[in-house]
Protein backbone atom coordinates (compact mmCIF):
# COMPACT_ATOMS: atom_id res chain seq x y z
CA MET A 1 -84.70 131.08 30.64
CA SER A 2 -82.50 132.94 33.07
CA LEU A 3 -79.60 135.03 31.82
CA CYS A 4 -77.00 137.30 33.40
CA PHE A 5 -75.83 140.42 31.63
CA SER A 6 -73.23 142.42 33.51
CA THR A 7 -72.85 144.65 30.48
CA VAL A 8 -70.81 141.79 29.02
CA ALA A 9 -72.25 138.35 28.29
CA CYS A 10 -71.42 135.95 31.12
CA SER A 11 -70.51 132.90 29.07
CA LYS A 12 -67.04 131.41 28.81
CA SER A 13 -67.60 130.64 25.14
CA THR A 14 -68.00 134.35 24.32
CA LYS A 15 -64.66 135.20 25.90
CA ASP A 16 -62.98 132.29 24.15
CA ALA A 17 -64.40 133.46 20.83
CA ALA A 18 -63.11 136.96 21.51
CA THR A 19 -59.58 135.64 22.02
CA GLU A 20 -59.72 133.68 18.80
CA VAL A 21 -61.01 136.56 16.69
CA GLY A 22 -59.13 139.44 18.32
CA THR A 23 -55.50 140.21 18.98
CA LYS A 24 -53.99 137.17 20.68
CA GLU A 25 -51.71 139.02 23.05
CA PRO A 26 -52.95 142.31 24.52
CA GLU A 27 -50.44 145.11 24.69
CA LYS A 28 -48.46 145.29 27.91
CA GLU A 29 -50.46 146.83 30.73
CA GLU A 30 -48.14 149.76 31.39
CA THR A 31 -48.42 151.08 27.83
CA ILE A 32 -52.24 151.41 27.98
CA VAL A 33 -53.69 154.37 29.86
CA ARG A 34 -57.31 155.26 30.47
CA MET A 35 -58.35 157.90 27.98
CA ASP A 36 -61.13 158.98 25.64
CA VAL A 37 -60.08 157.79 22.17
CA THR A 38 -63.26 158.66 20.28
CA ASP A 39 -61.53 161.31 18.19
CA LYS A 40 -58.95 158.78 16.99
CA ALA A 41 -61.62 156.74 15.18
CA LYS A 42 -63.61 157.23 12.00
CA LEU A 43 -67.36 157.22 12.60
CA VAL A 44 -69.63 155.37 10.15
CA VAL A 45 -73.41 154.88 10.51
CA ASN A 46 -75.68 152.85 8.28
CA ILE A 47 -78.63 155.25 8.76
CA GLU A 48 -77.84 158.96 8.44
CA ASN A 49 -79.95 162.01 9.22
CA ALA A 50 -82.38 162.58 6.35
CA ASN A 51 -80.83 165.97 5.62
CA GLY A 52 -77.36 164.53 5.10
CA ILE A 53 -73.94 164.34 6.70
CA ASN A 54 -73.54 168.14 6.76
CA SER A 55 -76.86 168.85 8.46
CA VAL A 56 -77.19 170.31 11.95
CA GLU A 57 -78.32 166.93 13.37
CA SER A 58 -76.06 164.60 11.40
CA SER A 59 -73.99 161.73 12.81
CA ARG A 60 -71.04 164.12 13.19
CA LYS A 61 -72.86 165.68 16.14
CA LEU A 62 -72.67 162.36 17.99
CA VAL A 63 -68.90 162.68 18.41
CA ASP A 64 -68.34 166.46 18.44
CA ASN A 65 -67.82 166.48 22.23
CA ASP A 66 -70.65 168.98 22.57
CA LYS A 67 -73.67 167.92 24.61
CA SER A 68 -75.75 170.81 23.29
CA THR A 69 -75.89 169.18 19.83
CA LYS A 70 -77.39 165.84 18.86
CA PHE A 71 -77.61 163.17 16.18
CA LEU A 72 -81.12 162.43 14.94
CA ILE A 73 -82.40 159.84 12.49
CA GLN A 74 -85.99 159.94 11.30
CA SER A 75 -86.34 156.29 10.23
CA PHE A 76 -85.00 154.09 13.00
CA LYS A 77 -84.70 150.34 12.32
CA PRO A 78 -83.36 147.62 14.66
CA SER A 79 -80.48 147.12 12.23
CA PHE A 80 -79.12 150.58 13.10
CA ASN A 81 -75.32 150.43 13.51
CA ILE A 82 -72.85 153.00 14.81
CA ASP A 83 -69.32 151.94 13.83
CA PHE A 84 -65.94 153.23 15.00
CA GLN A 85 -62.92 152.37 12.87
CA PHE A 86 -59.43 152.84 14.36
CA ASP A 87 -56.15 152.83 12.41
CA THR A 88 -54.67 150.52 15.05
CA PRO A 89 -56.43 148.23 17.56
CA ARG A 90 -57.57 149.79 20.83
CA LEU A 91 -58.51 148.25 24.17
CA ILE A 92 -61.96 149.70 24.87
CA GLY A 93 -63.44 148.94 28.30
CA THR A 94 -66.05 151.70 28.68
CA TYR A 95 -68.39 153.74 26.52
CA GLU A 96 -70.65 156.64 27.41
CA TRP A 97 -74.05 157.65 26.04
CA THR A 98 -75.52 161.13 26.48
CA SER A 99 -79.25 161.40 25.86
CA GLY A 100 -80.75 163.96 23.50
CA ASN A 101 -82.45 167.19 24.45
CA ASP A 102 -86.08 166.20 23.93
CA ALA A 103 -88.61 163.39 23.31
CA GLU A 104 -87.56 160.58 25.66
CA GLY A 105 -89.18 158.02 23.36
CA ARG A 106 -86.24 158.47 20.97
CA ASP A 107 -83.67 157.31 23.53
CA PRO A 108 -81.81 154.03 22.92
CA MET A 109 -83.31 151.23 25.02
CA ASP A 110 -81.72 147.96 23.83
CA TRP A 111 -78.33 147.58 22.19
CA LYS A 112 -75.25 145.43 21.66
CA PHE A 113 -71.64 146.63 21.82
CA MET A 114 -69.24 144.55 19.73
CA GLY A 115 -65.61 144.41 18.61
CA SER A 116 -63.92 143.11 15.45
CA ASN A 117 -60.53 143.07 13.80
CA ASP A 118 -61.71 142.46 10.25
CA GLY A 119 -65.02 144.36 10.18
CA THR A 120 -66.86 141.16 9.36
CA THR A 121 -66.68 138.80 12.35
CA TRP A 122 -67.97 140.48 15.50
CA THR A 123 -67.60 139.54 19.18
CA GLN A 124 -70.24 140.76 21.62
CA LEU A 125 -68.62 142.63 24.50
CA ASP A 126 -71.68 144.14 26.12
CA ARG A 127 -75.48 143.82 25.99
CA GLN A 128 -77.99 146.24 27.49
CA LEU A 129 -81.77 145.85 27.69
CA GLY A 130 -84.36 148.23 29.05
CA GLU A 131 -81.97 151.09 29.71
CA LEU A 132 -83.52 154.33 30.96
CA PHE A 133 -82.39 157.93 30.57
CA ARG A 134 -84.35 159.83 33.23
CA SER A 135 -83.39 163.29 32.06
CA ARG A 136 -82.30 165.14 28.97
CA ASN A 137 -78.60 165.42 28.14
CA LEU A 138 -77.87 162.79 30.78
CA THR A 139 -74.58 160.90 30.44
CA LYS A 140 -74.51 157.23 31.44
CA SER A 141 -71.41 155.06 31.51
CA TYR A 142 -71.18 151.34 30.64
CA SER A 143 -68.10 149.32 31.56
CA PHE A 144 -67.11 145.74 30.83
CA GLU A 145 -64.13 143.40 30.87
CA ASN A 146 -62.21 143.21 27.61
CA LYS A 147 -58.72 141.71 27.28
CA VAL A 148 -58.58 142.04 23.50
CA LYS A 149 -57.77 145.11 21.43
CA TYR A 150 -60.00 145.61 18.41
CA LYS A 151 -59.68 147.83 15.38
CA TYR A 152 -63.44 148.07 14.85
CA TYR A 153 -66.18 148.67 17.41
CA ARG A 154 -69.91 148.63 16.71
CA LEU A 155 -72.91 149.74 18.71
CA ASN A 156 -76.00 148.04 17.30
CA VAL A 157 -79.16 149.73 18.62
CA THR A 158 -81.99 147.19 18.52
CA ALA A 159 -84.79 149.17 20.20
CA ILE A 160 -85.86 152.66 21.20
CA TYR A 161 -88.75 153.41 23.53
CA TYR A 162 -91.37 154.36 20.96
CA GLY A 163 -91.88 156.04 17.63
CA ASP A 164 -89.58 155.79 14.64
CA MET A 165 -86.90 158.37 15.45
CA PHE A 166 -83.61 157.88 17.30
CA GLN A 167 -81.54 160.56 18.98
CA ALA A 168 -78.45 160.90 21.17
CA SER A 169 -76.25 163.83 22.01
CA GLU A 170 -72.88 162.06 22.46
CA LEU A 171 -71.28 158.64 22.26
CA ARG A 172 -67.73 158.31 23.58
CA LEU A 173 -65.32 155.36 23.64
CA ILE A 174 -62.90 155.03 26.55
CA GLN A 175 -59.67 153.03 26.44
CA VAL A 176 -59.16 151.20 29.75
CA PRO A 177 -56.17 149.11 30.94
CA ILE A 178 -57.08 145.57 32.01
CA SER A 179 -56.25 146.19 35.67
CA ALA A 180 -58.75 149.09 35.81
CA GLN A 181 -61.62 147.39 34.00
CA GLN A 182 -64.85 146.65 35.82
CA THR A 183 -68.32 145.32 35.13
CA ASN A 184 -70.96 147.99 35.60
CA PRO A 185 -73.92 148.14 35.63
CA ILE A 186 -75.12 144.59 36.27
CA THR A 187 -78.48 143.51 34.88
CA ARG A 188 -79.95 140.10 35.70
CA ILE A 189 -82.45 138.91 33.15
CA ASP A 190 -85.23 136.34 33.14
CA SER A 191 -87.06 135.78 29.88
CA VAL A 192 -90.37 133.91 30.12
CA LYS A 193 -92.72 132.92 27.30
CA LYS A 194 -96.12 131.30 27.81
CA ASP A 195 -99.33 130.99 25.79
CA GLY A 196 -98.28 133.51 23.19
CA LEU A 197 -97.08 136.09 25.73
CA SER A 198 -93.52 137.14 26.47
CA LEU A 199 -92.10 138.84 29.56
CA ILE A 200 -88.52 140.02 30.00
CA PHE A 201 -87.83 140.62 33.69
CA LEU A 202 -84.84 142.92 34.27
CA ASN A 203 -83.33 143.14 37.73
CA LYS A 204 -81.06 146.19 37.78
CA THR A 205 -80.64 146.15 41.56
CA PRO A 206 -77.69 145.05 43.72
CA GLU A 207 -79.69 142.01 44.90
CA GLU A 208 -79.26 138.74 43.04
CA THR A 209 -82.60 137.41 44.33
CA LEU A 210 -85.83 139.36 44.66
CA SER A 211 -88.46 137.77 46.89
CA TYR A 212 -91.33 139.20 44.86
CA LYS A 213 -90.04 138.44 41.35
CA ASP A 214 -91.85 135.13 40.82
CA LYS A 215 -95.11 136.59 42.15
CA MET A 216 -94.87 139.52 39.75
CA ILE A 217 -94.23 137.19 36.82
CA ASN A 218 -97.16 134.97 37.88
CA THR A 219 -99.46 137.99 38.13
CA PHE A 220 -98.59 139.02 34.59
CA PHE A 221 -99.28 135.59 33.10
CA THR A 222 -102.46 135.16 35.17
CA VAL A 223 -104.07 138.58 34.79
CA TYR A 224 -102.85 139.86 31.43
CA PRO A 225 -104.64 137.17 29.35
CA LYS A 226 -107.91 138.10 31.07
CA LEU A 227 -107.40 141.78 30.35
CA LEU A 228 -106.58 141.04 26.73
CA LYS A 229 -109.78 139.04 26.38
CA ASP A 230 -112.05 141.48 28.20
CA PHE A 231 -110.65 144.81 27.00
CA ASN A 232 -108.25 144.79 24.08
CA THR A 233 -107.17 141.70 22.16
CA ASP A 234 -104.85 143.84 20.03
CA ALA A 235 -102.70 145.01 22.96
CA GLN A 236 -98.98 144.23 23.08
CA LYS A 237 -98.06 140.62 23.72
CA SER A 238 -94.49 141.23 24.87
CA LEU A 239 -93.52 143.42 27.83
CA TYR A 240 -90.47 144.34 29.90
CA PHE A 241 -90.60 144.54 33.70
CA ILE A 242 -87.70 146.61 35.07
CA ILE A 243 -86.82 146.77 38.77
CA ASP A 244 -84.97 150.08 38.91
CA PRO A 245 -83.01 151.40 41.92
CA THR A 246 -82.79 154.90 40.41
CA TYR A 247 -86.55 155.55 40.25
CA ASP A 248 -88.07 157.36 43.26
CA GLY A 249 -91.77 156.75 42.55
CA ALA A 250 -93.73 153.49 42.74
CA ALA A 251 -94.16 152.36 39.12
CA TYR A 252 -95.01 153.64 35.67
CA ALA A 253 -95.73 152.27 32.20
CA ILE A 254 -94.20 153.51 28.97
CA SER A 255 -94.18 151.95 25.51
CA ASN A 256 -93.82 148.17 26.14
CA VAL A 257 -92.11 148.68 29.51
CA VAL A 258 -93.22 148.78 33.14
CA VAL A 259 -90.71 150.30 35.55
CA TYR A 260 -90.99 149.39 39.24
CA SER A 261 -89.11 151.22 41.95
CA TYR A 262 -86.67 148.97 43.77
CA ASN A 263 -87.11 150.93 47.00
CA PHE A 264 -90.91 150.77 46.75
CA MET A 265 -90.97 147.03 46.09
CA LYS A 266 -88.44 146.39 48.85
CA SER A 267 -90.70 148.24 51.29
CA ASN A 268 -93.93 146.73 49.88
CA PRO A 269 -93.06 143.20 48.73
CA ASN A 270 -96.70 142.07 49.04
CA ASP A 271 -98.03 144.82 46.79
CA ILE A 272 -98.05 142.48 43.82
CA ASP A 273 -101.17 143.94 42.25
CA ILE A 274 -99.27 147.06 41.40
CA VAL A 275 -98.54 144.81 38.41
CA THR A 276 -102.27 144.56 37.64
CA HIS A 277 -102.62 148.35 37.62
CA GLU A 278 -99.58 148.96 35.43
CA ILE A 279 -100.23 146.26 32.84
CA MET A 280 -103.72 147.69 32.39
CA HIS A 281 -102.05 150.82 31.03
CA HIS A 282 -100.59 148.67 28.25
CA ILE A 283 -104.06 147.26 27.59
CA GLN A 284 -105.47 150.79 27.47
CA ALA A 285 -102.95 152.00 24.89
CA TYR A 286 -104.69 155.37 24.77
CA GLN A 287 -103.34 157.85 22.25
CA GLY A 288 -104.01 161.41 21.30
CA GLY A 289 -104.90 162.84 24.71
CA ILE A 290 -108.55 161.74 24.49
CA ALA A 291 -108.67 160.33 28.03
CA PRO A 292 -108.63 162.66 31.04
CA GLY A 293 -105.76 161.58 33.28
CA TRP A 294 -108.06 161.03 36.24
CA LEU A 295 -110.21 158.62 34.23
CA SER A 296 -107.28 156.66 32.80
CA GLU A 297 -105.84 156.09 36.28
CA GLY A 298 -109.29 155.42 37.71
CA ILE A 299 -109.90 152.67 35.17
CA ALA A 300 -106.51 151.10 35.95
CA ASP A 301 -107.30 151.07 39.68
CA TYR A 302 -110.79 149.70 39.00
CA VAL A 303 -109.13 146.85 37.13
CA ARG A 304 -106.83 146.31 40.09
CA TYR A 305 -109.92 146.11 42.29
CA ALA A 306 -111.82 143.76 39.96
CA TYR A 307 -108.96 141.55 38.68
CA GLY A 308 -106.32 141.78 41.41
CA LEU A 309 -104.90 138.60 42.94
CA ASN A 310 -103.43 139.84 46.21
CA ASN A 311 -105.01 143.15 47.20
CA ALA A 312 -106.06 141.99 50.67
CA SER A 313 -102.58 140.80 51.63
CA SER A 314 -101.05 144.09 50.60
CA GLY A 315 -103.59 146.17 52.50
CA TRP A 316 -104.86 147.82 49.31
CA SER A 317 -108.58 148.56 49.08
CA LEU A 318 -111.02 151.09 47.71
CA PRO A 319 -111.62 154.00 50.12
CA ASN A 320 -114.93 154.71 51.77
CA TYR A 321 -116.76 157.62 50.17
CA SER A 322 -116.04 161.05 51.64
CA PRO A 323 -117.76 164.37 50.92
CA ASN A 324 -114.28 165.71 50.22
CA HIS A 325 -113.90 163.32 47.29
CA ASN A 326 -114.44 164.21 43.65
CA TYR A 327 -114.53 162.00 40.59
CA THR A 328 -111.45 163.81 39.29
CA ASP A 329 -109.36 162.60 42.25
CA ALA A 330 -108.27 159.62 40.10
CA TYR A 331 -106.87 156.29 41.26
CA ARG A 332 -108.84 154.60 44.05
CA VAL A 333 -111.43 157.38 44.47
CA THR A 334 -112.39 157.29 40.79
CA ALA A 335 -112.13 153.49 40.81
CA ARG A 336 -114.73 153.26 43.58
CA PHE A 337 -117.06 155.53 41.61
CA LEU A 338 -116.66 153.29 38.55
CA ALA A 339 -117.31 150.18 40.67
CA TRP A 340 -120.53 151.80 41.93
CA ILE A 341 -121.64 152.54 38.35
CA GLU A 342 -120.91 148.94 37.36
CA LYS A 343 -123.04 147.62 40.22
CA HIS A 344 -125.91 150.08 40.39
CA VAL A 345 -126.18 151.83 37.02
CA LYS A 346 -124.61 150.14 33.99
CA PRO A 347 -122.82 146.77 34.08
CA GLY A 348 -120.02 146.76 31.50
CA PHE A 349 -119.61 150.54 31.70
CA VAL A 350 -115.84 150.39 32.32
CA GLN A 351 -115.25 148.19 29.29
CA ALA A 352 -117.39 150.47 27.14
CA THR A 353 -115.58 153.57 28.39
CA ASP A 354 -112.18 152.02 27.81
CA LYS A 355 -113.15 151.08 24.25
CA ALA A 356 -114.51 154.56 23.48
CA ILE A 357 -111.31 156.21 24.69
CA ARG A 358 -109.09 153.88 22.68
CA ASN A 359 -111.27 154.36 19.57
CA LYS A 360 -111.16 158.15 20.11
CA THR A 361 -114.95 158.45 20.29
CA TYR A 362 -115.03 159.42 23.98
CA THR A 363 -116.41 162.82 24.97
CA GLU A 364 -117.94 164.02 28.21
CA GLY A 365 -121.31 163.37 26.58
CA PHE A 366 -120.44 159.66 26.62
CA TRP A 367 -121.61 159.39 30.24
CA LYS A 368 -125.14 160.57 29.44
CA SER A 369 -125.46 158.64 26.20
CA THR A 370 -124.41 155.42 27.96
CA THR A 371 -126.12 155.75 31.36
CA GLY A 372 -128.83 158.35 30.78
CA LYS A 373 -127.19 160.76 33.23
CA THR A 374 -124.40 163.30 32.97
CA LEU A 375 -121.15 162.78 34.84
CA ASP A 376 -122.11 165.32 37.51
CA GLU A 377 -125.58 163.79 37.90
CA LEU A 378 -124.03 160.35 38.38
CA TRP A 379 -121.64 161.68 41.00
CA ALA A 380 -124.48 163.40 42.88
CA GLN A 381 -126.46 160.14 42.90
CA TYR A 382 -123.38 158.27 44.04
CA ALA A 383 -122.81 160.75 46.89
CA GLN A 384 -126.37 160.18 48.12
CA ASN A 385 -125.97 156.39 48.32
CA PRO A 386 -122.35 155.29 47.81
CA ALA A 387 -122.62 151.75 49.13
CA LEU A 388 -121.09 149.05 46.93
């Protein structure tokens, strides 16, 4: 199913419903000026900070116009609502979030922005999925077209990145005359479900069509079931893929999300097995800092080597051994070492290592107990005869 969210739902029926529920005739254009009207509304939340409305991180901090404070709730649920109640209807066309000061997992990720004139029947004005706050106390603006003034506005947060706590420093509502309203940002969404798996593909770029999108989706539905079967049947069954023009790296995995750099994918449209590497991180689901970073990334690149669909076309391969290499170099260097162990020492070693890390039984002694040799002894043997 393909959808288009340009911060406001793109269906005619939604706009028609808004006209029926809201004020029939918007106020004349010249009497509405762009301004922050947050302070003119009463704020009501259905989940408050555990220490109460007068605490230092209560909901009041969300609208105190001070980015050094924040609102924190310790028991987030997808039914979390932030309501603004005006004495008279207002024409809101923009709102602004400011992220909290710590713990990016607490940031809002998915939400709906709605308006109402009776506090009961709500019209969706905006929908955001997979939003990213790349830094702390970062303000992001969301604009949409709205020809109807509403007395009540609601922001329903349906997902955060991970954990069970939500935080934000500020949330501001901006009144915008119709002539100045715009749709920004635009997110194009494809939602695909197959064989018990779900993938939400979010295109946050200026391009309507991405040449590599279908290949990335196919890689997920081809490779991920194999990784589930071979490594971790309990791994997440629903993921987001986000093509992000604001990210300067290549890709990274967090919670149930994989973020891919738009610039990287545009320059490397055949590097489809970057998907294989990143989705392995969701299979790994390592917690508690048990896994050395070099080993985690080495396993993910080994999986790319062993399960990848298009490595040759992208020019990706394992490097030849070099005396300058070390097993802690991570990525392809470590992956080649693991491939050598699989072939010459212990078939199934990567699966066993992955399981031990996830079960929190991994120690450096795992290498000797599993193969009969220490990690350094294995590397020395590998250096003597590194052929695969």
